[in-house]
Amino acid sequence: MNSSFQGANTSVKVYRHLLKEVRKHVGKEECKAHFTDFIKKEFRKNINFEESRNLKLASDYTFYLNSIHHHKDLLLSYNIAVDRADEMKKILGKSAASVGLKLPDAYQP
């Protein structure tokens, strides 16, 4: 396999993973579109992106985003002083959705 093709394939993978994680953790809203716009512009600007150290930086930033949010989830799961009712509703809703059910809305007096 040609090394330039292999490098291009790697840069495409890093690009896709980075965009996916930014959309997942930062958000997809219109006011946050400048994050994804910047990433797209940088990858398009550097045609030989796989040869630069920016590819490693992009890969590390993807890992960093995942780590921050995993750490946040762990902190919330271990903190018993925080009201976790909303988080439990999310977890129960996801569990119910995985088997095709939907939880009813709770009555609020």
PDB file of N, CA and C in Angstrom:
ATOM      1  N   MET A   1       0.852  -1.182   0.000  1.00  0.00           N
ATOM      2  CA  MET A   1       0.000   0.000   0.000  1.00  0.00           C
ATOM      3  C   MET A   1       0.895   1.243   0.000  1.00  0.00           C
ATOM      4  N   ASN A   2       0.506   2.219  -0.741  1.00  0.00           N
ATOM      5  CA  ASN A   2       1.259   3.455  -0.857  1.00  0.00           C
ATOM      6  C   ASN A   2       1.228   4.206   0.469  1.00  0.00           C
ATOM      7  N   SER A   3       2.380   4.713   0.932  1.00  0.00           N
ATOM      8  CA  SER A   3       2.433   5.373   2.240  1.00  0.00           C
ATOM      9  C   SER A   3       1.670   6.690   2.250  1.00  0.00           C
ATOM     10  N   SER A   4       1.636   7.408   1.105  1.00  0.00           N
ATOM     11  CA  SER A   4       0.870   8.663   1.075  1.00  0.00           C
ATOM     12  C   SER A   4      -0.616   8.384   1.164  1.00  0.00           C
ATOM     13  N   PHE A   5      -1.070   7.277   0.534  1.00  0.00           N
ATOM     14  CA  PHE A   5      -2.481   6.909   0.653  1.00  0.00           C
ATOM     15  C   PHE A   5      -2.810   6.497   2.076  1.00  0.00           C
ATOM     16  N   GLN A   6      -1.910   5.768   2.701  1.00  0.00           N
ATOM     17  CA  GLN A   6      -2.120   5.331   4.073  1.00  0.00           C
ATOM     18  C   GLN A   6      -2.152   6.530   5.017  1.00  0.00           C
ATOM     19  N   GLY A   7      -1.280   7.505   4.792  1.00  0.00           N
ATOM     20  CA  GLY A   7      -1.275   8.716   5.606  1.00  0.00           C
ATOM     21  C   GLY A   7      -2.538   9.527   5.417  1.00  0.00           C
ATOM     22  N   ALA A   8      -3.029   9.607   4.172  1.00  0.00           N
ATOM     23  CA  ALA A   8      -4.271  10.326   3.902  1.00  0.00           C
ATOM     24  C   ALA A   8      -5.435   9.626   4.581  1.00  0.00           C
ATOM     25  N   ASN A   9      -5.416   8.304   4.570  1.00  0.00           N
ATOM     26  CA  ASN A   9      -6.469   7.534   5.227  1.00  0.00           C
ATOM     27  C   ASN A   9      -6.468   7.809   6.726  1.00  0.00           C
ATOM     28  N   THR A  10      -5.291   7.898   7.327  1.00  0.00           N
ATOM     29  CA  THR A  10      -5.171   8.195   8.748  1.00  0.00           C
ATOM     30  C   THR A  10      -5.693   9.586   9.060  1.00  0.00           C
ATOM     31  N   SER A  11      -5.339  10.564   8.219  1.00  0.00           N
ATOM     32  CA  SER A  11      -5.802  11.929   8.471  1.00  0.00           C
ATOM     33  C   SER A  11      -7.320  12.035   8.338  1.00  0.00           C
ATOM     34  N   VAL A  12      -7.915  11.279   7.430  1.00  0.00           N
ATOM     35  CA  VAL A  12      -9.375  11.284   7.289  1.00  0.00           C
ATOM     36  C   VAL A  12     -10.025  10.690   8.531  1.00  0.00           C
ATOM     37  N   LYS A  13      -9.444   9.625   9.069  1.00  0.00           N
ATOM     38  CA  LYS A  13      -9.984   9.010  10.287  1.00  0.00           C
ATOM     39  C   LYS A  13      -9.918   9.983  11.466  1.00  0.00           C
ATOM     40  N   VAL A  14      -8.761  10.634  11.618  1.00  0.00           N
ATOM     41  CA  VAL A  14      -8.599  11.589  12.716  1.00  0.00           C
ATOM     42  C   VAL A  14      -9.589  12.744  12.548  1.00  0.00           C
ATOM     43  N   TYR A  15      -9.734  13.233  11.328  1.00  0.00           N
ATOM     44  CA  TYR A  15     -10.663  14.328  11.025  1.00  0.00           C
ATOM     45  C   TYR A  15     -12.090  13.944  11.400  1.00  0.00           C
ATOM     46  N   ARG A  16     -12.526  12.776  10.985  1.00  0.00           N
ATOM     47  CA  ARG A  16     -13.899  12.326  11.272  1.00  0.00           C
ATOM     48  C   ARG A  16     -14.124  12.133  12.772  1.00  0.00           C
ATOM     49  N   HIS A  17     -13.157  11.517  13.440  1.00  0.00           N
ATOM     50  CA  HIS A  17     -13.302  11.307  14.890  1.00  0.00           C
ATOM     51  C   HIS A  17     -13.354  12.636  15.637  1.00  0.00           C
ATOM     52  N   LEU A  18     -12.504  13.568  15.240  1.00  0.00           N
ATOM     53  CA  LEU A  18     -12.478  14.872  15.902  1.00  0.00           C
ATOM     54  C   LEU A  18     -13.800  15.609  15.703  1.00  0.00           C
ATOM     55  N   LEU A  19     -14.312  15.638  14.478  1.00  0.00           N
ATOM     56  CA  LEU A  19     -15.602  16.302  14.232  1.00  0.00           C
ATOM     57  C   LEU A  19     -16.729  15.638  15.019  1.00  0.00           C
ATOM     58  N   LYS A  20     -16.717  14.320  15.055  1.00  0.00           N
ATOM     59  CA  LYS A  20     -17.750  13.583  15.785  1.00  0.00           C
ATOM     60  C   LYS A  20     -17.738  13.933  17.271  1.00  0.00           C
ATOM     61  N   GLU A  21     -16.559  13.946  17.863  1.00  0.00           N
ATOM     62  CA  GLU A  21     -16.457  14.222  19.290  1.00  0.00           C
ATOM     63  C   GLU A  21     -16.751  15.676  19.619  1.00  0.00           C
ATOM     64  N   VAL A  22     -16.359  16.603  18.754  1.00  0.00           N
ATOM     65  CA  VAL A  22     -16.683  18.011  18.993  1.00  0.00           C
ATOM     66  C   VAL A  22     -18.196  18.211  18.927  1.00  0.00           C
ATOM     67  N   ARG A  23     -18.836  17.596  17.950  1.00  0.00           N
ATOM     68  CA  ARG A  23     -20.303  17.712  17.857  1.00  0.00           C
ATOM     69  C   ARG A  23     -20.986  17.072  19.063  1.00  0.00           C
ATOM     70  N   LYS A  24     -20.429  15.972  19.527  1.00  0.00           N
ATOM     71  CA  LYS A  24     -21.026  15.250  20.655  1.00  0.00           C
ATOM     72  C   LYS A  24     -20.843  16.003  21.978  1.00  0.00           C
ATOM     73  N   HIS A  25     -19.634  16.490  22.236  1.00  0.00           N
ATOM     74  CA  HIS A  25     -19.330  17.071  23.539  1.00  0.00           C
ATOM     75  C   HIS A  25     -19.458  18.587  23.596  1.00  0.00           C
ATOM     76  N   VAL A  26     -19.186  19.277  22.507  1.00  0.00           N
ATOM     77  CA  VAL A  26     -19.304  20.732  22.505  1.00  0.00           C
ATOM     78  C   VAL A  26     -20.712  21.134  22.108  1.00  0.00           C
ATOM     79  N   GLY A  27     -21.250  20.511  21.077  1.00  0.00           N
ATOM     80  CA  GLY A  27     -22.621  20.770  20.668  1.00  0.00           C
ATOM     81  C   GLY A  27     -22.739  21.036  19.186  1.00  0.00           C
ATOM     82  N   LYS A  28     -23.973  20.900  18.697  1.00  0.00           N
ATOM     83  CA  LYS A  28     -24.258  21.095  17.283  1.00  0.00           C
ATOM     84  C   LYS A  28     -24.988  22.408  17.021  1.00  0.00           C
ATOM     85  N   GLU A  29     -25.285  23.150  18.055  1.00  0.00           N
ATOM     86  CA  GLU A  29     -26.077  24.364  17.898  1.00  0.00           C
ATOM     87  C   GLU A  29     -25.378  25.355  16.969  1.00  0.00           C
ATOM     88  N   GLU A  30     -26.171  26.237  16.395  1.00  0.00           N
ATOM     89  CA  GLU A  30     -25.656  27.245  15.465  1.00  0.00           C
ATOM     90  C   GLU A  30     -24.621  28.156  16.132  1.00  0.00           C
ATOM     91  N   CYS A  31     -24.822  28.477  17.403  1.00  0.00           N
ATOM     92  CA  CYS A  31     -23.881  29.369  18.092  1.00  0.00           C
ATOM     93  C   CYS A  31     -22.533  28.706  18.361  1.00  0.00           C
ATOM     94  N   LYS A  32     -22.460  27.388  18.228  1.00  0.00           N
ATOM     95  CA  LYS A  32     -21.204  26.672  18.456  1.00  0.00           C
ATOM     96  C   LYS A  32     -20.598  26.138  17.164  1.00  0.00           C
ATOM     97  N   ALA A  33     -21.124  26.562  16.038  1.00  0.00           N
ATOM     98  CA  ALA A  33     -20.655  26.065  14.743  1.00  0.00           C
ATOM     99  C   ALA A  33     -19.231  26.509  14.433  1.00  0.00           C
ATOM    100  N   HIS A  34     -18.754  27.558  15.079  1.00  0.00           N
ATOM    101  CA  HIS A  34     -17.404  28.032  14.798  1.00  0.00           C
ATOM    102  C   HIS A  34     -16.339  27.006  15.181  1.00  0.00           C
ATOM    103  N   PHE A  35     -16.653  26.101  16.112  1.00  0.00           N
ATOM    104  CA  PHE A  35     -15.696  25.055  16.468  1.00  0.00           C
ATOM    105  C   PHE A  35     -15.486  24.103  15.292  1.00  0.00           C
ATOM    106  N   THR A  36     -16.578  23.596  14.736  1.00  0.00           N
ATOM    107  CA  THR A  36     -16.452  22.677  13.606  1.00  0.00           C
ATOM    108  C   THR A  36     -15.958  23.402  12.357  1.00  0.00           C
ATOM    109  N   ASP A  37     -16.347  24.658  12.183  1.00  0.00           N
ATOM    110  CA  ASP A  37     -15.865  25.423  11.032  1.00  0.00           C
ATOM    111  C   ASP A  37     -14.347  25.578  11.085  1.00  0.00           C
ATOM    112  N   PHE A  38     -13.802  25.829  12.266  1.00  0.00           N
ATOM    113  CA  PHE A  38     -12.354  25.964  12.423  1.00  0.00           C
ATOM    114  C   PHE A  38     -11.642  24.665  12.085  1.00  0.00           C
ATOM    115  N   ILE A  39     -12.174  23.558  12.559  1.00  0.00           N
ATOM    116  CA  ILE A  39     -11.563  22.255  12.290  1.00  0.00           C
ATOM    117  C   ILE A  39     -11.571  21.970  10.790  1.00  0.00           C
ATOM    118  N   LYS A  40     -12.706  22.210  10.141  1.00  0.00           N
ATOM    119  CA  LYS A  40     -12.802  21.978   8.695  1.00  0.00           C
ATOM    120  C   LYS A  40     -11.805  22.850   7.938  1.00  0.00           C
ATOM    121  N   LYS A  41     -11.703  24.115   8.333  1.00  0.00           N
ATOM    122  CA  LYS A  41     -10.797  25.037   7.655  1.00  0.00           C
ATOM    123  C   LYS A  41      -9.338  24.595   7.807  1.00  0.00           C
ATOM    124  N   GLU A  42      -8.957  24.170   9.005  1.00  0.00           N
ATOM    125  CA  GLU A  42      -7.574  23.757   9.249  1.00  0.00           C
ATOM    126  C   GLU A  42      -7.218  22.490   8.472  1.00  0.00           C
ATOM    127  N   PHE A  43      -8.140  21.529   8.415  1.00  0.00           N
ATOM    128  CA  PHE A  43      -7.843  20.307   7.681  1.00  0.00           C
ATOM    129  C   PHE A  43      -7.788  20.570   6.181  1.00  0.00           C
ATOM    130  N   ARG A  44      -8.610  21.463   5.680  1.00  0.00           N
ATOM    131  CA  ARG A  44      -8.574  21.793   4.250  1.00  0.00           C
ATOM    132  C   ARG A  44      -7.347  22.622   3.896  1.00  0.00           C
ATOM    133  N   LYS A  45      -6.923  23.480   4.803  1.00  0.00           N
ATOM    134  CA  LYS A  45      -5.770  24.345   4.561  1.00  0.00           C
ATOM    135  C   LYS A  45      -4.485  23.528   4.452  1.00  0.00           C
ATOM    136  N   ASN A  46      -4.362  22.514   5.267  1.00  0.00           N
ATOM    137  CA  ASN A  46      -3.165  21.668   5.286  1.00  0.00           C
ATOM    138  C   ASN A  46      -3.423  20.394   4.492  1.00  0.00           C
ATOM    139  N   ILE A  47      -3.154  20.454   3.209  1.00  0.00           N
ATOM    140  CA  ILE A  47      -3.395  19.291   2.357  1.00  0.00           C
ATOM    141  C   ILE A  47      -2.516  18.123   2.784  1.00  0.00           C
ATOM    142  N   ASN A  48      -1.288  18.395   3.166  1.00  0.00           N
ATOM    143  CA  ASN A  48      -0.385  17.355   3.657  1.00  0.00           C
ATOM    144  C   ASN A  48      -0.463  17.276   5.175  1.00  0.00           C
ATOM    145  N   PHE A  49      -1.675  17.172   5.679  1.00  0.00           N
ATOM    146  CA  PHE A  49      -1.905  17.202   7.116  1.00  0.00           C
ATOM    147  C   PHE A  49      -1.243  16.026   7.816  1.00  0.00           C
ATOM    148  N   GLU A  50      -1.181  14.880   7.142  1.00  0.00           N
ATOM    149  CA  GLU A  50      -0.625  13.693   7.786  1.00  0.00           C
ATOM    150  C   GLU A  50       0.871  13.835   8.062  1.00  0.00           C
ATOM    151  N   GLU A  51       1.536  14.740   7.346  1.00  0.00           N
ATOM    152  CA  GLU A  51       2.966  14.921   7.544  1.00  0.00           C
ATOM    153  C   GLU A  51       3.280  15.890   8.674  1.00  0.00           C
ATOM    154  N   SER A  52       2.315  16.590   9.154  1.00  0.00           N
ATOM    155  CA  SER A  52       2.586  17.611  10.162  1.00  0.00           C
ATOM    156  C   SER A  52       2.306  17.085  11.568  1.00  0.00           C
ATOM    157  N   ARG A  53       2.773  17.842  12.522  1.00  0.00           N
ATOM    158  CA  ARG A  53       2.520  17.461  13.913  1.00  0.00           C
ATOM    159  C   ARG A  53       1.095  17.802  14.319  1.00  0.00           C
ATOM    160  N   ASN A  54       0.373  18.530  13.463  1.00  0.00           N
ATOM    161  CA  ASN A  54      -1.010  18.890  13.759  1.00  0.00           C
ATOM    162  C   ASN A  54      -1.925  17.669  13.776  1.00  0.00           C
ATOM    163  N   LEU A  55      -1.581  16.637  13.026  1.00  0.00           N
ATOM    164  CA  LEU A  55      -2.380  15.413  13.046  1.00  0.00           C
ATOM    165  C   LEU A  55      -2.336  14.775  14.431  1.00  0.00           C
ATOM    166  N   LYS A  56      -1.158  14.747  15.028  1.00  0.00           N
ATOM    167  CA  LYS A  56      -1.015  14.218  16.398  1.00  0.00           C
ATOM    168  C   LYS A  56      -1.772  15.098  17.378  1.00  0.00           C
ATOM    169  N   LEU A  57      -1.707  16.409  17.171  1.00  0.00           N
ATOM    170  CA  LEU A  57      -2.418  17.342  18.035  1.00  0.00           C
ATOM    171  C   LEU A  57      -3.929  17.128  17.946  1.00  0.00           C
ATOM    172  N   ALA A  58      -4.443  16.928  16.742  1.00  0.00           N
ATOM    173  CA  ALA A  58      -5.875  16.691  16.555  1.00  0.00           C
ATOM    174  C   ALA A  58      -6.298  15.384  17.215  1.00  0.00           C
ATOM    175  N   SER A  59      -5.477  14.361  17.084  1.00  0.00           N
ATOM    176  CA  SER A  59      -5.770  13.077  17.709  1.00  0.00           C
ATOM    177  C   SER A  59      -5.750  13.197  19.235  1.00  0.00           C
ATOM    178  N   ASP A  60      -4.777  13.912  19.758  1.00  0.00           N
ATOM    179  CA  ASP A  60      -4.693  14.120  21.207  1.00  0.00           C
ATOM    180  C   ASP A  60      -5.873  14.930  21.728  1.00  0.00           C
ATOM    181  N   TYR A  61      -6.311  15.923  20.953  1.00  0.00           N
ATOM    182  CA  TYR A  61      -7.450  16.741  21.385  1.00  0.00           C
ATOM    183  C   TYR A  61      -8.734  15.916  21.413  1.00  0.00           C
ATOM    184  N   THR A  62      -8.890  15.008  20.470  1.00  0.00           N
ATOM    185  CA  THR A  62     -10.046  14.107  20.471  1.00  0.00           C
ATOM    186  C   THR A  62     -10.038  13.257  21.738  1.00  0.00           C
ATOM    187  N   PHE A  63      -8.884  12.703  22.066  1.00  0.00           N
ATOM    188  CA  PHE A  63      -8.742  11.897  23.276  1.00  0.00           C
ATOM    189  C   PHE A  63      -9.017  12.746  24.520  1.00  0.00           C
ATOM    190  N   TYR A  64      -8.531  13.974  24.512  1.00  0.00           N
ATOM    191  CA  TYR A  64      -8.736  14.910  25.629  1.00  0.00           C
ATOM    192  C   TYR A  64     -10.226  15.194  25.846  1.00  0.00           C
ATOM    193  N   LEU A  65     -10.961  15.462  24.770  1.00  0.00           N
ATOM    194  CA  LEU A  65     -12.409  15.704  24.901  1.00  0.00           C
ATOM    195  C   LEU A  65     -13.115  14.501  25.515  1.00  0.00           C
ATOM    196  N   ASN A  66     -12.808  13.316  25.026  1.00  0.00           N
ATOM    197  CA  ASN A  66     -13.423  12.109  25.576  1.00  0.00           C
ATOM    198  C   ASN A  66     -13.071  11.923  27.046  1.00  0.00           C
ATOM    199  N   SER A  67     -11.830  12.183  27.394  1.00  0.00           N
ATOM    200  CA  SER A  67     -11.380  11.993  28.772  1.00  0.00           C
ATOM    201  C   SER A  67     -12.055  12.963  29.733  1.00  0.00           C
ATOM    202  N   ILE A  68     -12.183  14.211  29.318  1.00  0.00           N
ATOM    203  CA  ILE A  68     -12.845  15.207  30.168  1.00  0.00           C
ATOM    204  C   ILE A  68     -14.278  14.801  30.464  1.00  0.00           C
ATOM    205  N   HIS A  69     -14.994  14.385  29.451  1.00  0.00           N
ATOM    206  CA  HIS A  69     -16.398  14.052  29.665  1.00  0.00           C
ATOM    207  C   HIS A  69     -16.572  12.728  30.403  1.00  0.00           C
ATOM    208  N   HIS A  70     -15.661  11.800  30.199  1.00  0.00           N
ATOM    209  CA  HIS A  70     -15.706  10.568  30.984  1.00  0.00           C
ATOM    210  C   HIS A  70     -15.409  10.870  32.448  1.00  0.00           C
ATOM    211  N   HIS A  71     -14.446  11.733  32.707  1.00  0.00           N
ATOM    212  CA  HIS A  71     -14.103  12.131  34.071  1.00  0.00           C
ATOM    213  C   HIS A  71     -15.284  12.841  34.739  1.00  0.00           C
ATOM    214  N   LYS A  72     -15.931  13.727  34.008  1.00  0.00           N
ATOM    215  CA  LYS A  72     -17.102  14.432  34.534  1.00  0.00           C
ATOM    216  C   LYS A  72     -18.204  13.444  34.908  1.00  0.00           C
ATOM    217  N   ASP A  73     -18.451  12.471  34.034  1.00  0.00           N
ATOM    218  CA  ASP A  73     -19.467  11.456  34.328  1.00  0.00           C
ATOM    219  C   ASP A  73     -19.113  10.650  35.569  1.00  0.00           C
ATOM    220  N   LEU A  74     -17.833  10.319  35.725  1.00  0.00           N
ATOM    221  CA  LEU A  74     -17.406   9.597  36.918  1.00  0.00           C
ATOM    222  C   LEU A  74     -17.603  10.430  38.184  1.00  0.00           C
ATOM    223  N   LEU A  75     -17.239  11.698  38.116  1.00  0.00           N
ATOM    224  CA  LEU A  75     -17.421  12.572  39.279  1.00  0.00           C
ATOM    225  C   LEU A  75     -18.889  12.673  39.666  1.00  0.00           C
ATOM    226  N   LEU A  76     -19.740  12.826  38.678  1.00  0.00           N
ATOM    227  CA  LEU A  76     -21.174  12.914  38.973  1.00  0.00           C
ATOM    228  C   LEU A  76     -21.716  11.601  39.528  1.00  0.00           C
ATOM    229  N   SER A  77     -21.198  10.488  39.051  1.00  0.00           N
ATOM    230  CA  SER A  77     -21.711   9.206  39.528  1.00  0.00           C
ATOM    231  C   SER A  77     -21.266   8.896  40.953  1.00  0.00           C
ATOM    232  N   TYR A  78     -20.120   9.430  41.388  1.00  0.00           N
ATOM    233  CA  TYR A  78     -19.631   9.157  42.732  1.00  0.00           C
ATOM    234  C   TYR A  78     -20.028  10.205  43.766  1.00  0.00           C
ATOM    235  N   ASN A  79     -20.510  11.346  43.325  1.00  0.00           N
ATOM    236  CA  ASN A  79     -20.852  12.420  44.249  1.00  0.00           C
ATOM    237  C   ASN A  79     -22.267  12.209  44.783  1.00  0.00           C
ATOM    238  N   ILE A  80     -22.379  11.777  46.039  1.00  0.00           N
ATOM    239  CA  ILE A  80     -23.703  11.491  46.597  1.00  0.00           C
ATOM    240  C   ILE A  80     -24.396  12.735  47.125  1.00  0.00           C
ATOM    241  N   ALA A  81     -23.687  13.865  47.226  1.00  0.00           N
ATOM    242  CA  ALA A  81     -24.285  15.096  47.723  1.00  0.00           C
ATOM    243  C   ALA A  81     -25.070  15.833  46.636  1.00  0.00           C
ATOM    244  N   VAL A  82     -24.894  15.450  45.394  1.00  0.00           N
ATOM    245  CA  VAL A  82     -25.570  16.108  44.280  1.00  0.00           C
ATOM    246  C   VAL A  82     -26.885  15.390  44.013  1.00  0.00           C
ATOM    247  N   ASP A  83     -27.929  16.173  43.744  1.00  0.00           N
ATOM    248  CA  ASP A  83     -29.214  15.576  43.396  1.00  0.00           C
ATOM    249  C   ASP A  83     -29.090  14.936  42.019  1.00  0.00           C
ATOM    250  N   ARG A  84     -29.225  13.637  41.978  1.00  0.00           N
ATOM    251  CA  ARG A  84     -29.010  12.905  40.736  1.00  0.00           C
ATOM    252  C   ARG A  84     -30.313  12.442  40.106  1.00  0.00           C
ATOM    253  N   ALA A  85     -31.435  13.045  40.475  1.00  0.00           N
ATOM    254  CA  ALA A  85     -32.714  12.608  39.942  1.00  0.00           C
ATOM    255  C   ALA A  85     -32.768  12.745  38.423  1.00  0.00           C
ATOM    256  N   ASP A  86     -32.281  13.862  37.891  1.00  0.00           N
ATOM    257  CA  ASP A  86     -32.295  14.063  36.439  1.00  0.00           C
ATOM    258  C   ASP A  86     -31.410  13.049  35.724  1.00  0.00           C
ATOM    259  N   GLU A  87     -30.261  12.760  36.325  1.00  0.00           N
ATOM    260  CA  GLU A  87     -29.368  11.792  35.697  1.00  0.00           C
ATOM    261  C   GLU A  87     -29.964  10.392  35.728  1.00  0.00           C
ATOM    262  N   MET A  88     -30.632  10.062  36.804  1.00  0.00           N
ATOM    263  CA  MET A  88     -31.273   8.752  36.886  1.00  0.00           C
ATOM    264  C   MET A  88     -32.406   8.641  35.869  1.00  0.00           C
ATOM    265  N   LYS A  89     -33.129   9.732  35.635  1.00  0.00           N
ATOM    266  CA  LYS A  89     -34.185   9.725  34.611  1.00  0.00           C
ATOM    267  C   LYS A  89     -33.589   9.466  33.238  1.00  0.00           C
ATOM    268  N   LYS A  90     -32.440  10.078  32.951  1.00  0.00           N
ATOM    269  CA  LYS A  90     -31.774   9.852  31.665  1.00  0.00           C
ATOM    270  C   LYS A  90     -31.368   8.393  31.513  1.00  0.00           C
ATOM    271  N   ILE A  91     -30.775   7.844  32.578  1.00  0.00           N
ATOM    272  CA  ILE A  91     -30.312   6.460  32.534  1.00  0.00           C
ATOM    273  C   ILE A  91     -31.486   5.505  32.355  1.00  0.00           C
ATOM    274  N   LEU A  92     -32.562   5.746  33.107  1.00  0.00           N
ATOM    275  CA  LEU A  92     -33.740   4.890  32.980  1.00  0.00           C
ATOM    276  C   LEU A  92     -34.385   5.035  31.608  1.00  0.00           C
ATOM    277  N   GLY A  93     -34.410   6.268  31.084  1.00  0.00           N
ATOM    278  CA  GLY A  93     -34.967   6.496  29.754  1.00  0.00           C
ATOM    279  C   GLY A  93     -34.172   5.781  28.676  1.00  0.00           C
ATOM    280  N   LYS A  94     -32.837   5.804  28.783  1.00  0.00           N
ATOM    281  CA  LYS A  94     -31.988   5.099  27.820  1.00  0.00           C
ATOM    282  C   LYS A  94     -32.188   3.590  27.923  1.00  0.00           C
ATOM    283  N   SER A  95     -32.323   3.100  29.153  1.00  0.00           N
ATOM    284  CA  SER A  95     -32.533   1.664  29.342  1.00  0.00           C
ATOM    285  C   SER A  95     -33.865   1.226  28.750  1.00  0.00           C
ATOM    286  N   ALA A  96     -34.897   2.020  28.979  1.00  0.00           N
ATOM    287  CA  ALA A  96     -36.209   1.698  28.433  1.00  0.00           C
ATOM    288  C   ALA A  96     -36.191   1.779  26.905  1.00  0.00           C
ATOM    289  N   ALA A  97     -35.523   2.794  26.365  1.00  0.00           N
ATOM    290  CA  ALA A  97     -35.464   2.959  24.910  1.00  0.00           C
ATOM    291  C   ALA A  97     -34.714   1.818  24.242  1.00  0.00           C
ATOM    292  N   SER A  98     -33.745   1.238  24.952  1.00  0.00           N
ATOM    293  CA  SER A  98     -32.968   0.153  24.353  1.00  0.00           C
ATOM    294  C   SER A  98     -33.813  -1.100  24.114  1.00  0.00           C
ATOM    295  N   VAL A  99     -34.922  -1.235  24.819  1.00  0.00           N
ATOM    296  CA  VAL A  99     -35.822  -2.373  24.595  1.00  0.00           C
ATOM    297  C   VAL A  99     -37.129  -1.944  23.931  1.00  0.00           C
ATOM    298  N   GLY A 100     -37.159  -0.694  23.450  1.00  0.00           N
ATOM    299  CA  GLY A 100     -38.316  -0.235  22.682  1.00  0.00           C
ATOM    300  C   GLY A 100     -39.436   0.362  23.501  1.00  0.00           C
ATOM    301  N   LEU A 101     -39.178   0.730  24.733  1.00  0.00           N
ATOM    302  CA  LEU A 101     -40.211   1.318  25.579  1.00  0.00           C
ATOM    303  C   LEU A 101     -39.931   2.796  25.806  1.00  0.00           C
ATOM    304  N   LYS A 102     -40.945   3.507  26.266  1.00  0.00           N
ATOM    305  CA  LYS A 102     -40.788   4.909  26.605  1.00  0.00           C
ATOM    306  C   LYS A 102     -41.381   5.117  27.989  1.00  0.00           C
ATOM    307  N   LEU A 103     -40.620   5.792  28.866  1.00  0.00           N
ATOM    308  CA  LEU A 103     -41.102   6.039  30.215  1.00  0.00           C
ATOM    309  C   LEU A 103     -42.193   7.113  30.182  1.00  0.00           C
ATOM    310  N   PRO A 104     -43.234   6.932  30.982  1.00  0.00           N
ATOM    311  CA  PRO A 104     -44.261   7.981  31.044  1.00  0.00           C
ATOM    312  C   PRO A 104     -43.741   9.209  31.773  1.00  0.00           C
ATOM    313  N   ASP A 105     -44.323  10.353  31.455  1.00  0.00           N
ATOM    314  CA  ASP A 105     -43.954  11.592  32.164  1.00  0.00           C
ATOM    315  C   ASP A 105     -44.490  11.518  33.588  1.00  0.00           C
ATOM    316  N   ALA A 106     -43.656  11.920  34.542  1.00  0.00           N
ATOM    317  CA  ALA A 106     -44.037  11.891  35.946  1.00  0.00           C
ATOM    318  C   ALA A 106     -44.979  13.057  36.249  1.00  0.00           C
ATOM    319  N   TYR A 107     -45.933  12.823  37.122  1.00  0.00           N
ATOM    320  CA  TYR A 107     -46.874  13.851  37.509  1.00  0.00           C
ATOM    321  C   TYR A 107     -46.186  14.881  38.406  1.00  0.00           C
ATOM    322  N   GLN A 108     -46.316  16.162  38.055  1.00  0.00           N
ATOM    323  CA  GLN A 108     -45.759  17.252  38.854  1.00  0.00           C
ATOM    324  C   GLN A 108     -46.913  18.073  39.429  1.00  0.00           C
ATOM    325  N   PRO A 109     -47.170  17.967  40.740  1.00  0.00           N
ATOM    326  CA  PRO A 109     -48.306  18.719  41.327  1.00  0.00           C
ATOM    327  C   PRO A 109     -48.095  20.207  41.316  1.00  0.00           C
TER     328      PRO A 109
END
